[in-house]
Amino acid sequence: MLDSRKKANKKWLAKNYESITIRVPKGTKEQIKTWAEMAGLSMAAYIQEACKEKAEKS
């Protein structure tokens, strides 16, 4: 049952989301994680919000 649930979740994620991988200098990940926690957001939500704010300024 667990394998079928994982398979279903993977299929749903592939259908509904895209993945982006970024590389950052050592220590940057922890800094982003800290900023996200301070904002009450996940790292992904924090980065998405930062990108939207940057786009709105241009």
C-alpha atoms as a PDB file:
ATOM      1  CA  MET A   1       0.000   0.000   0.000  1.00  0.00           C
ATOM      2  CA  LEU A   2       2.845   2.385   0.807  1.00  0.00           C
ATOM      3  CA  ASP A   3       4.397   1.951  -2.630  1.00  0.00           C
ATOM      4  CA  SER A   4       1.110   2.688  -4.378  1.00  0.00           C
ATOM      5  CA  ARG A   5       0.684   5.864  -2.286  1.00  0.00           C
ATOM      6  CA  LYS A   6       4.221   7.011  -3.131  1.00  0.00           C
ATOM      7  CA  LYS A   7       3.591   6.299  -6.808  1.00  0.00           C
ATOM      8  CA  ALA A   8       0.323   8.251  -6.744  1.00  0.00           C
ATOM      9  CA  ASN A   9       1.959  11.190  -4.949  1.00  0.00           C
ATOM     10  CA  LYS A  10       4.843  11.226  -7.432  1.00  0.00           C
ATOM     11  CA  LYS A  11       2.399  11.173 -10.369  1.00  0.00           C
ATOM     12  CA  TRP A  12       0.340  14.027  -8.863  1.00  0.00           C
ATOM     13  CA  LEU A  13       3.450  16.136  -8.199  1.00  0.00           C
ATOM     14  CA  ALA A  14       4.714  15.591 -11.754  1.00  0.00           C
ATOM     15  CA  LYS A  15       1.342  16.654 -13.150  1.00  0.00           C
ATOM     16  CA  ASN A  16       0.942  19.750 -10.977  1.00  0.00           C
ATOM     17  CA  TYR A  17       4.417  21.069 -10.167  1.00  0.00           C
ATOM     18  CA  GLU A  18       7.770  21.818 -11.734  1.00  0.00           C
ATOM     19  CA  SER A  19      11.087  21.491  -9.971  1.00  0.00           C
ATOM     20  CA  ILE A  20      13.929  24.013  -9.968  1.00  0.00           C
ATOM     21  CA  THR A  21      17.376  23.229  -8.600  1.00  0.00           C
ATOM     22  CA  ILE A  22      19.727  26.065  -7.685  1.00  0.00           C
ATOM     23  CA  ARG A  23      23.268  26.001  -6.393  1.00  0.00           C
ATOM     24  CA  VAL A  24      24.332  28.608  -3.858  1.00  0.00           C
ATOM     25  CA  PRO A  25      27.588  29.284  -2.033  1.00  0.00           C
ATOM     26  CA  LYS A  26      28.104  27.391   1.232  1.00  0.00           C
ATOM     27  CA  GLY A  27      26.185  29.018   4.083  1.00  0.00           C
ATOM     28  CA  THR A  28      23.599  30.617   1.808  1.00  0.00           C
ATOM     29  CA  LYS A  29      21.115  27.781   2.228  1.00  0.00           C
ATOM     30  CA  GLU A  30      21.152  28.216   6.007  1.00  0.00           C
ATOM     31  CA  GLN A  31      20.708  31.975   5.633  1.00  0.00           C
ATOM     32  CA  ILE A  32      17.697  31.518   3.343  1.00  0.00           C
ATOM     33  CA  LYS A  33      16.284  28.916   5.746  1.00  0.00           C
ATOM     34  CA  THR A  34      16.649  31.390   8.640  1.00  0.00           C
ATOM     35  CA  TRP A  35      14.967  34.198   6.684  1.00  0.00           C
ATOM     36  CA  ALA A  36      12.139  31.852   5.700  1.00  0.00           C
ATOM     37  CA  GLU A  37      11.607  30.721   9.294  1.00  0.00           C
ATOM     38  CA  MET A  38      11.561  34.341  10.466  1.00  0.00           C
ATOM     39  CA  ALA A  39       8.881  35.054   7.844  1.00  0.00           C
ATOM     40  CA  GLY A  40       6.917  31.960   8.879  1.00  0.00           C
ATOM     41  CA  LEU A  41       7.357  30.378   5.448  1.00  0.00           C
ATOM     42  CA  SER A  42       8.929  27.292   3.956  1.00  0.00           C
ATOM     43  CA  MET A  43      12.097  27.872   1.980  1.00  0.00           C
ATOM     44  CA  ALA A  44      10.207  27.226  -1.261  1.00  0.00           C
ATOM     45  CA  ALA A  45       7.443  29.696  -0.370  1.00  0.00           C
ATOM     46  CA  TYR A  46      10.013  32.293   0.710  1.00  0.00           C
ATOM     47  CA  ILE A  47      11.956  32.001  -2.546  1.00  0.00           C
ATOM     48  CA  GLN A  48       8.748  32.148  -4.605  1.00  0.00           C
ATOM     49  CA  GLU A  49       7.646  35.290  -2.743  1.00  0.00           C
ATOM     50  CA  ALA A  50      11.080  36.899  -3.238  1.00  0.00           C
ATOM     51  CA  CYS A  51      10.940  36.188  -6.977  1.00  0.00           C
ATOM     52  CA  LYS A  52       7.440  37.678  -7.250  1.00  0.00           C
ATOM     53  CA  GLU A  53       8.517  40.817  -5.358  1.00  0.00           C
ATOM     54  CA  LYS A  54      11.576  41.208  -7.594  1.00  0.00           C
ATOM     55  CA  ALA A  55       9.447  40.813 -10.734  1.00  0.00           C
ATOM     56  CA  GLU A  56       6.945  43.408  -9.527  1.00  0.00           C
ATOM     57  CA  LYS A  57       9.732  45.965  -9.023  1.00  0.00           C
ATOM     58  CA  SER A  58      10.947  45.695 -12.606  1.00  0.00           C
END
